């Protein structure tokens, strides 16, 4: 671990700060996706069952990823699996939502590659996997 004097942070401190930001994003997405999914499942599931079921899956993935990232090194494999599942899900659902619009009368979290969430669902797992790979213990 490199340490510098003055106002600059150590590499480990920068990594921890980046991790806190990453976890914050996942926590926000977990809360937002869970709330949206619950509303969709309870109030209008019959309108777009595929999209709303996938919203529930996305919410579950965000919850697992958030918990695993918070737990740190011991849960690294779980976090990596959740992030990989998220990325594959965003790519598959994003493609399906473009090619089979009839399945997505109402968009899910991962529809159109996360467009409704400013494409964060597409970018965030890549950043998360990079952060996990950089591997400074917290």
Protein backbone atom coordinates (compact mmCIF):
# COMPACT_ATOMS: atom_id res chain seq x y z
CA UNK A 1 0.00 0.00 0.00
CA UNK A 2 1.43 3.36 -1.03
CA UNK A 3 1.29 6.24 1.42
CA UNK A 4 1.88 9.88 0.56
CA UNK A 5 2.19 12.92 2.77
CA UNK A 6 0.02 16.01 2.79
CA UNK A 7 -3.63 15.99 1.80
CA UNK A 8 -3.40 13.01 -0.54
CA UNK A 9 -5.02 9.74 0.47
CA UNK A 10 -3.33 6.36 0.58
CA UNK A 11 -4.20 3.89 -2.17
CA UNK A 12 -6.12 1.81 0.38
CA UNK A 13 -8.09 4.83 1.53
CA UNK A 14 -9.00 5.71 -2.07
CA UNK A 15 -10.11 2.14 -2.64
CA UNK A 16 -12.29 2.20 0.49
CA UNK A 17 -13.84 5.51 -0.58
CA UNK A 18 -14.61 4.12 -4.04
CA UNK A 19 -16.11 1.05 -2.37
CA UNK A 20 -18.39 3.18 -0.21
CA UNK A 21 -19.63 5.04 -3.29
CA UNK A 22 -20.18 1.76 -5.14
CA UNK A 23 -22.09 0.28 -2.20
CA UNK A 24 -24.18 3.47 -1.95
CA UNK A 25 -25.19 3.15 -5.61
CA UNK A 26 -26.13 -0.50 -5.12
CA UNK A 27 -28.10 0.32 -1.97
CA UNK A 28 -30.05 3.04 -3.80
CA UNK A 29 -30.75 0.70 -6.71
CA UNK A 30 -31.78 -2.10 -4.33
CA UNK A 31 -34.27 0.17 -2.59
CA UNK A 32 -35.60 1.70 -5.83
CA UNK A 33 -35.87 -1.62 -7.67
CA UNK A 34 -37.51 -3.36 -4.71
CA UNK A 35 -40.09 -0.60 -4.30
CA UNK A 36 -40.83 -0.46 -7.99
CA UNK A 37 -41.04 -4.24 -8.27
CA UNK A 38 -43.40 -4.56 -5.31
CA UNK A 39 -45.68 -1.93 -6.79
CA UNK A 40 -45.63 -3.60 -10.22
CA UNK A 41 -46.22 -7.10 -8.89
CA UNK A 42 -49.06 -6.05 -6.60
CA UNK A 43 -50.89 -3.60 -8.82
CA UNK A 44 -50.39 -4.50 -12.47
CA UNK A 45 -48.65 -7.86 -12.85
CA UNK A 46 -51.18 -9.12 -15.41
CA UNK A 47 -50.32 -6.24 -17.80
CA UNK A 48 -46.71 -7.34 -18.33
CA UNK A 49 -45.85 -10.49 -16.35
CA UNK A 50 -42.45 -11.02 -17.97
CA UNK A 51 -41.27 -7.46 -17.39
CA UNK A 52 -42.53 -7.38 -13.80
CA UNK A 53 -41.06 -10.78 -12.96
CA UNK A 54 -37.72 -9.57 -14.29
CA UNK A 55 -38.03 -6.43 -12.18
CA UNK A 56 -38.35 -8.67 -9.13
CA UNK A 57 -35.26 -10.63 -10.19
CA UNK A 58 -33.34 -7.37 -10.65
CA UNK A 59 -34.36 -6.21 -7.17
CA UNK A 60 -33.17 -9.50 -5.66
CA UNK A 61 -29.85 -9.26 -7.50
CA UNK A 62 -29.31 -5.70 -6.23
CA UNK A 63 -30.06 -6.80 -2.67
CA UNK A 64 -27.62 -9.73 -2.87
CA UNK A 65 -24.93 -7.58 -4.50
CA UNK A 66 -25.34 -4.86 -1.87
CA UNK A 67 -25.09 -7.28 1.04
CA UNK A 68 -22.11 -9.10 -0.50
CA UNK A 69 -20.25 -5.85 -1.17
CA UNK A 70 -20.89 -4.68 2.39
CA UNK A 71 -19.65 -8.00 3.81
CA UNK A 72 -16.35 -7.54 2.00
CA UNK A 73 -13.62 -10.07 1.33
CA UNK A 74 -15.39 -13.10 2.81
CA UNK A 75 -18.29 -12.59 0.38
CA UNK A 76 -16.20 -11.63 -2.65
CA UNK A 77 -17.27 -14.70 -4.66
CA UNK A 78 -20.95 -13.99 -3.96
CA UNK A 79 -20.47 -10.35 -5.00
CA UNK A 80 -18.69 -11.38 -8.20
CA UNK A 81 -21.46 -13.84 -9.06
CA UNK A 82 -24.18 -11.25 -8.38
CA UNK A 83 -22.41 -8.61 -10.48
CA UNK A 84 -21.85 -11.07 -13.34
CA UNK A 85 -25.51 -12.15 -13.17
CA UNK A 86 -26.53 -8.48 -13.21
CA UNK A 87 -24.42 -7.72 -16.28
CA UNK A 88 -25.70 -10.76 -18.18
CA UNK A 89 -29.25 -9.89 -17.13
CA UNK A 90 -28.95 -6.32 -18.34
CA UNK A 91 -27.53 -7.49 -21.68
CA UNK A 92 -30.14 -10.22 -22.22
CA UNK A 93 -33.15 -8.21 -21.03
CA UNK A 94 -31.89 -5.12 -22.84
CA UNK A 95 -31.70 -7.06 -26.09
CA UNK A 96 -35.07 -8.77 -25.56
CA UNK A 97 -36.75 -5.45 -24.75
CA UNK A 98 -35.53 -4.07 -28.06
CA UNK A 99 -36.36 -7.13 -30.16
CA UNK A 100 -39.58 -8.30 -28.42
CA UNK A 101 -41.28 -5.11 -27.29
CA UNK A 102 -44.57 -6.94 -26.75
CA UNK A 103 -43.04 -8.62 -23.68
CA UNK A 104 -42.19 -5.25 -22.16
CA UNK A 105 -45.34 -3.15 -22.26
CA UNK A 106 -43.88 -1.47 -19.19
CA UNK A 107 -40.11 -1.38 -18.77
CA UNK A 108 -38.25 -3.27 -16.08
CA UNK A 109 -35.09 -2.10 -14.34
CA UNK A 110 -32.94 -3.80 -16.98
CA UNK A 111 -35.10 -2.99 -20.02
CA UNK A 112 -33.41 -1.09 -22.81
CA UNK A 113 -30.06 -1.67 -21.05
CA UNK A 114 -31.17 0.29 -17.98
CA UNK A 115 -32.15 3.40 -19.90
CA UNK A 116 -34.79 4.33 -17.30
CA UNK A 117 -32.04 4.30 -14.68
CA UNK A 118 -29.63 6.38 -16.82
CA UNK A 119 -27.82 3.19 -17.99
CA UNK A 120 -26.42 2.73 -14.47
CA UNK A 121 -27.46 -0.97 -14.45
CA UNK A 122 -25.23 -1.51 -17.49
CA UNK A 123 -22.18 0.35 -16.17
CA UNK A 124 -22.33 -0.41 -12.45
CA UNK A 125 -21.54 -4.15 -12.57
CA UNK A 126 -18.47 -3.45 -14.72
CA UNK A 127 -17.25 -0.90 -12.18
CA UNK A 128 -18.08 -3.31 -9.35
CA UNK A 129 -16.13 -6.16 -10.93
CA UNK A 130 -13.17 -3.84 -11.51
CA UNK A 131 -13.33 -2.71 -7.87
CA UNK A 132 -13.45 -6.30 -6.62
CA UNK A 133 -10.57 -7.28 -8.91
CA UNK A 134 -8.39 -4.41 -7.67
CA UNK A 135 -8.68 -6.22 -4.37
CA UNK A 136 -7.34 -3.96 -1.62
CA UNK A 137 -8.82 -5.40 1.55
CA UNK A 138 -11.12 -3.11 3.45
